[in-house]
Amino acid sequence: MALTLRLTEEQDRLLTELAAAERRSKNEIVIMAIEEKAARDDKSARVRAAFDYVIERDAGILAKLADA
């Protein structure tokens, strides 16, 4: 699938520098960025879900601690 990115000159310069530093193509760098962002978002969602679970599970204890 083809995709055209509309980048500023500065963004294109940064992408070019990243690609050169990694010895990868610009396309590979963009794909890596997309995959890393998706992984971070997924991890954040899992952490939020775990936090919500603990808050719900330990609501009574947390309320007692807040009142102490």
PDB file of N, CA and C in Angstrom:
ATOM      1  N   MET A   1       0.846  -1.170   0.000  1.00  0.00           N
ATOM      2  CA  MET A   1       0.000   0.000   0.000  1.00  0.00           C
ATOM      3  C   MET A   1       0.893   1.236   0.000  1.00  0.00           C
ATOM      4  N   ALA A   2       0.589   2.174  -0.820  1.00  0.00           N
ATOM      5  CA  ALA A   2       1.371   3.405  -0.925  1.00  0.00           C
ATOM      6  C   ALA A   2       0.840   4.452   0.045  1.00  0.00           C
ATOM      7  N   LEU A   3       1.752   5.271   0.535  1.00  0.00           N
ATOM      8  CA  LEU A   3       1.389   6.344   1.447  1.00  0.00           C
ATOM      9  C   LEU A   3       2.317   7.513   1.178  1.00  0.00           C
ATOM     10  N   THR A   4       1.746   8.681   1.103  1.00  0.00           N
ATOM     11  CA  THR A   4       2.544   9.888   0.936  1.00  0.00           C
ATOM     12  C   THR A   4       2.544  10.643   2.252  1.00  0.00           C
ATOM     13  N   LEU A   5       3.723  10.965   2.744  1.00  0.00           N
ATOM     14  CA  LEU A   5       3.832  11.764   3.959  1.00  0.00           C
ATOM     15  C   LEU A   5       4.101  13.207   3.577  1.00  0.00           C
ATOM     16  N   ARG A   6       3.390  14.096   4.196  1.00  0.00           N
ATOM     17  CA  ARG A   6       3.633  15.520   3.981  1.00  0.00           C
ATOM     18  C   ARG A   6       4.410  16.029   5.186  1.00  0.00           C
ATOM     19  N   LEU A   7       5.706  16.160   5.016  1.00  0.00           N
ATOM     20  CA  LEU A   7       6.591  16.577   6.093  1.00  0.00           C
ATOM     21  C   LEU A   7       7.128  17.971   5.819  1.00  0.00           C
ATOM     22  N   THR A   8       7.392  18.680   6.898  1.00  0.00           N
ATOM     23  CA  THR A   8       8.091  19.947   6.742  1.00  0.00           C
ATOM     24  C   THR A   8       9.542  19.634   6.378  1.00  0.00           C
ATOM     25  N   GLU A   9      10.260  20.640   5.950  1.00  0.00           N
ATOM     26  CA  GLU A   9      11.674  20.428   5.637  1.00  0.00           C
ATOM     27  C   GLU A   9      12.426  19.935   6.868  1.00  0.00           C
ATOM     28  N   GLU A  10      12.093  20.485   8.016  1.00  0.00           N
ATOM     29  CA  GLU A  10      12.751  20.075   9.262  1.00  0.00           C
ATOM     30  C   GLU A  10      12.438  18.616   9.593  1.00  0.00           C
ATOM     31  N   GLN A  11      11.191  18.213   9.467  1.00  0.00           N
ATOM     32  CA  GLN A  11      10.820  16.824   9.734  1.00  0.00           C
ATOM     33  C   GLN A  11      11.519  15.878   8.769  1.00  0.00           C
ATOM     34  N   ASP A  12      11.595  16.271   7.501  1.00  0.00           N
ATOM     35  CA  ASP A  12      12.275  15.437   6.515  1.00  0.00           C
ATOM     36  C   ASP A  12      13.761  15.341   6.831  1.00  0.00           C
ATOM     37  N   ARG A  13      14.352  16.447   7.275  1.00  0.00           N
ATOM     38  CA  ARG A  13      15.771  16.424   7.643  1.00  0.00           C
ATOM     39  C   ARG A  13      15.991  15.476   8.819  1.00  0.00           C
ATOM     40  N   LEU A  14      15.117  15.557   9.826  1.00  0.00           N
ATOM     41  CA  LEU A  14      15.232  14.666  10.982  1.00  0.00           C
ATOM     42  C   LEU A  14      15.066  13.204  10.584  1.00  0.00           C
ATOM     43  N   LEU A  15      14.097  12.937   9.732  1.00  0.00           N
ATOM     44  CA  LEU A  15      13.875  11.571   9.265  1.00  0.00           C
ATOM     45  C   LEU A  15      15.087  11.062   8.503  1.00  0.00           C
ATOM     46  N   THR A  16      15.654  11.906   7.668  1.00  0.00           N
ATOM     47  CA  THR A  16      16.849  11.533   6.909  1.00  0.00           C
ATOM     48  C   THR A  16      18.007  11.229   7.854  1.00  0.00           C
ATOM     49  N   GLU A  17      18.190  12.061   8.873  1.00  0.00           N
ATOM     50  CA  GLU A  17      19.268  11.843   9.840  1.00  0.00           C
ATOM     51  C   GLU A  17      19.059  10.556  10.633  1.00  0.00           C
ATOM     52  N   LEU A  18      17.824  10.313  11.051  1.00  0.00           N
ATOM     53  CA  LEU A  18      17.528   9.072  11.775  1.00  0.00           C
ATOM     54  C   LEU A  18      17.816   7.850  10.911  1.00  0.00           C
ATOM     55  N   ALA A  19      17.382   7.909   9.680  1.00  0.00           N
ATOM     56  CA  ALA A  19      17.598   6.786   8.763  1.00  0.00           C
ATOM     57  C   ALA A  19      19.088   6.544   8.554  1.00  0.00           C
ATOM     58  N   ALA A  20      19.842   7.607   8.378  1.00  0.00           N
ATOM     59  CA  ALA A  20      21.284   7.460   8.173  1.00  0.00           C
ATOM     60  C   ALA A  20      21.958   6.890   9.420  1.00  0.00           C
ATOM     61  N   ALA A  21      21.564   7.390  10.585  1.00  0.00           N
ATOM     62  CA  ALA A  21      22.160   6.917  11.836  1.00  0.00           C
ATOM     63  C   ALA A  21      21.861   5.444  12.085  1.00  0.00           C
ATOM     64  N   GLU A  22      20.679   5.008  11.699  1.00  0.00           N
ATOM     65  CA  GLU A  22      20.263   3.614  11.905  1.00  0.00           C
ATOM     66  C   GLU A  22      20.650   2.709  10.739  1.00  0.00           C
ATOM     67  N   ARG A  23      21.141   3.340   9.670  1.00  0.00           N
ATOM     68  CA  ARG A  23      21.454   2.611   8.434  1.00  0.00           C
ATOM     69  C   ARG A  23      20.230   1.844   7.935  1.00  0.00           C
ATOM     70  N   ARG A  24      19.127   2.570   7.918  1.00  0.00           N
ATOM     71  CA  ARG A  24      17.853   2.025   7.453  1.00  0.00           C
ATOM     72  C   ARG A  24      17.246   3.015   6.473  1.00  0.00           C
ATOM     73  N   SER A  25      16.216   2.568   5.788  1.00  0.00           N
ATOM     74  CA  SER A  25      15.515   3.478   4.878  1.00  0.00           C
ATOM     75  C   SER A  25      14.568   4.363   5.684  1.00  0.00           C
ATOM     76  N   LYS A  26      14.151   5.446   5.081  1.00  0.00           N
ATOM     77  CA  LYS A  26      13.162   6.309   5.722  1.00  0.00           C
ATOM     78  C   LYS A  26      11.885   5.520   5.986  1.00  0.00           C
ATOM     79  N   ASN A  27      11.513   4.677   5.049  1.00  0.00           N
ATOM     80  CA  ASN A  27      10.315   3.858   5.198  1.00  0.00           C
ATOM     81  C   ASN A  27      10.422   2.966   6.435  1.00  0.00           C
ATOM     82  N   GLU A  28      11.576   2.337   6.625  1.00  0.00           N
ATOM     83  CA  GLU A  28      11.760   1.476   7.797  1.00  0.00           C
ATOM     84  C   GLU A  28      11.659   2.277   9.093  1.00  0.00           C
ATOM     85  N   ILE A  29      12.212   3.480   9.095  1.00  0.00           N
ATOM     86  CA  ILE A  29      12.155   4.322  10.291  1.00  0.00           C
ATOM     87  C   ILE A  29      10.710   4.699  10.610  1.00  0.00           C
ATOM     88  N   VAL A  30       9.942   5.039   9.599  1.00  0.00           N
ATOM     89  CA  VAL A  30       8.528   5.386   9.809  1.00  0.00           C
ATOM     90  C   VAL A  30       7.764   4.174  10.342  1.00  0.00           C
ATOM     91  N   ILE A  31       7.998   3.006   9.777  1.00  0.00           N
ATOM     92  CA  ILE A  31       7.329   1.786  10.243  1.00  0.00           C
ATOM     93  C   ILE A  31       7.697   1.501  11.695  1.00  0.00           C
ATOM     94  N   MET A  32       8.981   1.626  12.023  1.00  0.00           N
ATOM     95  CA  MET A  32       9.419   1.404  13.404  1.00  0.00           C
ATOM     96  C   MET A  32       8.731   2.373  14.363  1.00  0.00           C
ATOM     97  N   ALA A  33       8.612   3.633  13.963  1.00  0.00           N
ATOM     98  CA  ALA A  33       7.966   4.637  14.810  1.00  0.00           C
ATOM     99  C   ALA A  33       6.499   4.286  15.054  1.00  0.00           C
ATOM    100  N   ILE A  34       5.822   3.847  14.015  1.00  0.00           N
ATOM    101  CA  ILE A  34       4.411   3.457  14.141  1.00  0.00           C
ATOM    102  C   ILE A  34       4.274   2.273  15.091  1.00  0.00           C
ATOM    103  N   GLU A  35       5.115   1.263  14.914  1.00  0.00           N
ATOM    104  CA  GLU A  35       5.044   0.068  15.758  1.00  0.00           C
ATOM    105  C   GLU A  35       5.391   0.382  17.209  1.00  0.00           C
ATOM    106  N   GLU A  36       6.401   1.228  17.427  1.00  0.00           N
ATOM    107  CA  GLU A  36       6.771   1.602  18.791  1.00  0.00           C
ATOM    108  C   GLU A  36       5.657   2.396  19.471  1.00  0.00           C
ATOM    109  N   LYS A  37       5.025   3.292  18.743  1.00  0.00           N
ATOM    110  CA  LYS A  37       3.907   4.074  19.298  1.00  0.00           C
ATOM    111  C   LYS A  37       2.752   3.154  19.669  1.00  0.00           C
ATOM    112  N   ALA A  38       2.433   2.212  18.803  1.00  0.00           N
ATOM    113  CA  ALA A  38       1.349   1.268  19.085  1.00  0.00           C
ATOM    114  C   ALA A  38       1.672   0.434  20.322  1.00  0.00           C
ATOM    115  N   ALA A  39       2.923   0.004  20.453  1.00  0.00           N
ATOM    116  CA  ALA A  39       3.330  -0.791  21.612  1.00  0.00           C
ATOM    117  C   ALA A  39       3.233   0.031  22.897  1.00  0.00           C
ATOM    118  N   ARG A  40       3.656   1.291  22.852  1.00  0.00           N
ATOM    119  CA  ARG A  40       3.561   2.162  24.032  1.00  0.00           C
ATOM    120  C   ARG A  40       2.108   2.382  24.427  1.00  0.00           C
ATOM    121  N   ASP A  41       1.255   2.630  23.441  1.00  0.00           N
ATOM    122  CA  ASP A  41      -0.164   2.841  23.734  1.00  0.00           C
ATOM    123  C   ASP A  41      -0.783   1.599  24.350  1.00  0.00           C
ATOM    124  N   ASP A  42      -0.426   0.424  23.829  1.00  0.00           N
ATOM    125  CA  ASP A  42      -0.948  -0.832  24.361  1.00  0.00           C
ATOM    126  C   ASP A  42      -0.474  -1.029  25.797  1.00  0.00           C
ATOM    127  N   LYS A  43       0.796  -0.754  26.052  1.00  0.00           N
ATOM    128  CA  LYS A  43       1.335  -0.907  27.404  1.00  0.00           C
ATOM    129  C   LYS A  43       0.646   0.057  28.357  1.00  0.00           C
ATOM    130  N   SER A  44       0.439   1.292  27.922  1.00  0.00           N
ATOM    131  CA  SER A  44      -0.242   2.278  28.764  1.00  0.00           C
ATOM    132  C   SER A  44      -1.655   1.818  29.106  1.00  0.00           C
ATOM    133  N   ALA A  45      -2.342   1.259  28.140  1.00  0.00           N
ATOM    134  CA  ALA A  45      -3.708   0.770  28.374  1.00  0.00           C
ATOM    135  C   ALA A  45      -3.698  -0.379  29.376  1.00  0.00           C
ATOM    136  N   ARG A  46      -2.719  -1.269  29.255  1.00  0.00           N
ATOM    137  CA  ARG A  46      -2.635  -2.395  30.192  1.00  0.00           C
ATOM    138  C   ARG A  46      -2.306  -1.913  31.600  1.00  0.00           C
ATOM    139  N   VAL A  47      -1.426  -0.924  31.715  1.00  0.00           N
ATOM    140  CA  VAL A  47      -1.078  -0.376  33.029  1.00  0.00           C
ATOM    141  C   VAL A  47      -2.291   0.307  33.647  1.00  0.00           C
ATOM    142  N   ARG A  48      -3.027   1.087  32.849  1.00  0.00           N
ATOM    143  CA  ARG A  48      -4.243   1.740  33.358  1.00  0.00           C
ATOM    144  C   ARG A  48      -5.265   0.709  33.834  1.00  0.00           C
ATOM    145  N   ALA A  49      -5.421  -0.366  33.071  1.00  0.00           N
ATOM    146  CA  ALA A  49      -6.378  -1.409  33.449  1.00  0.00           C
ATOM    147  C   ALA A  49      -5.954  -2.072  34.757  1.00  0.00           C
ATOM    148  N   ALA A  50      -4.670  -2.336  34.913  1.00  0.00           N
ATOM    149  CA  ALA A  50      -4.170  -2.947  36.146  1.00  0.00           C
ATOM    150  C   ALA A  50      -4.370  -1.999  37.327  1.00  0.00           C
ATOM    151  N   PHE A  51      -4.091  -0.724  37.117  1.00  0.00           N
ATOM    152  CA  PHE A  51      -4.279   0.278  38.165  1.00  0.00           C
ATOM    153  C   PHE A  51      -5.748   0.349  38.576  1.00  0.00           C
ATOM    154  N   ASP A  52      -6.642   0.399  37.598  1.00  0.00           N
ATOM    155  CA  ASP A  52      -8.078   0.444  37.883  1.00  0.00           C
ATOM    156  C   ASP A  52      -8.518  -0.789  38.662  1.00  0.00           C
ATOM    157  N   TYR A  53      -7.972  -1.952  38.303  1.00  0.00           N
ATOM    158  CA  TYR A  53      -8.307  -3.197  38.998  1.00  0.00           C
ATOM    159  C   TYR A  53      -7.888  -3.113  40.466  1.00  0.00           C
ATOM    160  N   VAL A  54      -6.668  -2.651  40.714  1.00  0.00           N
ATOM    161  CA  VAL A  54      -6.168  -2.555  42.088  1.00  0.00           C
ATOM    162  C   VAL A  54      -6.984  -1.543  42.886  1.00  0.00           C
ATOM    163  N   ILE A  55      -7.303  -0.417  42.281  1.00  0.00           N
ATOM    164  CA  ILE A  55      -8.114   0.599  42.969  1.00  0.00           C
ATOM    165  C   ILE A  55      -9.475   0.021  43.358  1.00  0.00           C
ATOM    166  N   GLU A  56     -10.090  -0.707  42.447  1.00  0.00           N
ATOM    167  CA  GLU A  56     -11.397  -1.301  42.734  1.00  0.00           C
ATOM    168  C   GLU A  56     -11.273  -2.395  43.782  1.00  0.00           C
ATOM    169  N   ARG A  57     -10.278  -3.262  43.624  1.00  0.00           N
ATOM    170  CA  ARG A  57     -10.100  -4.390  44.535  1.00  0.00           C
ATOM    171  C   ARG A  57      -9.791  -3.917  45.947  1.00  0.00           C
ATOM    172  N   ASP A  58      -8.966  -2.881  46.070  1.00  0.00           N
ATOM    173  CA  ASP A  58      -8.497  -2.437  47.379  1.00  0.00           C
ATOM    174  C   ASP A  58      -9.154  -1.133  47.838  1.00  0.00           C
ATOM    175  N   ALA A  59     -10.339  -0.850  47.333  1.00  0.00           N
ATOM    176  CA  ALA A  59     -11.011   0.410  47.657  1.00  0.00           C
ATOM    177  C   ALA A  59     -11.190   0.586  49.164  1.00  0.00           C
ATOM    178  N   GLY A  60     -11.577  -0.463  49.843  1.00  0.00           N
ATOM    179  CA  GLY A  60     -11.794  -0.379  51.290  1.00  0.00           C
ATOM    180  C   GLY A  60     -10.520  -0.043  52.041  1.00  0.00           C
ATOM    181  N   ILE A  61      -9.467  -0.726  51.722  1.00  0.00           N
ATOM    182  CA  ILE A  61      -8.176  -0.479  52.378  1.00  0.00           C
ATOM    183  C   ILE A  61      -7.694   0.937  52.081  1.00  0.00           C
ATOM    184  N   LEU A  62      -7.832   1.350  50.842  1.00  0.00           N
ATOM    185  CA  LEU A  62      -7.390   2.695  50.462  1.00  0.00           C
ATOM    186  C   LEU A  62      -8.202   3.771  51.180  1.00  0.00           C
ATOM    187  N   ALA A  63      -9.488   3.529  51.364  1.00  0.00           N
ATOM    188  CA  ALA A  63     -10.334   4.486  52.086  1.00  0.00           C
ATOM    189  C   ALA A  63      -9.890   4.592  53.543  1.00  0.00           C
ATOM    190  N   LYS A  64      -9.572   3.451  54.168  1.00  0.00           N
ATOM    191  CA  LYS A  64      -9.095   3.464  55.556  1.00  0.00           C
ATOM    192  C   LYS A  64      -7.773   4.211  55.662  1.00  0.00           C
ATOM    193  N   LEU A  65      -6.893   4.000  54.705  1.00  0.00           N
ATOM    194  CA  LEU A  65      -5.612   4.709  54.714  1.00  0.00           C
ATOM    195  C   LEU A  65      -5.810   6.210  54.538  1.00  0.00           C
ATOM    196  N   ALA A  66      -6.765   6.583  53.715  1.00  0.00           N
ATOM    197  CA  ALA A  66      -7.034   8.004  53.488  1.00  0.00           C
ATOM    198  C   ALA A  66      -7.570   8.669  54.755  1.00  0.00           C
ATOM    199  N   ASP A  67      -8.330   7.914  55.542  1.00  0.00           N
ATOM    200  CA  ASP A  67      -8.914   8.452  56.772  1.00  0.00           C
ATOM    201  C   ASP A  67      -7.933   8.449  57.936  1.00  0.00           C
ATOM    202  N   ALA A  68      -6.845   7.722  57.807  1.00  0.00           N
ATOM    203  CA  ALA A  68      -5.886   7.587  58.924  1.00  0.00           C
ATOM    204  C   ALA A  68      -5.086   8.847  59.150  1.00  0.00           C
TER     205      ALA A  68
END
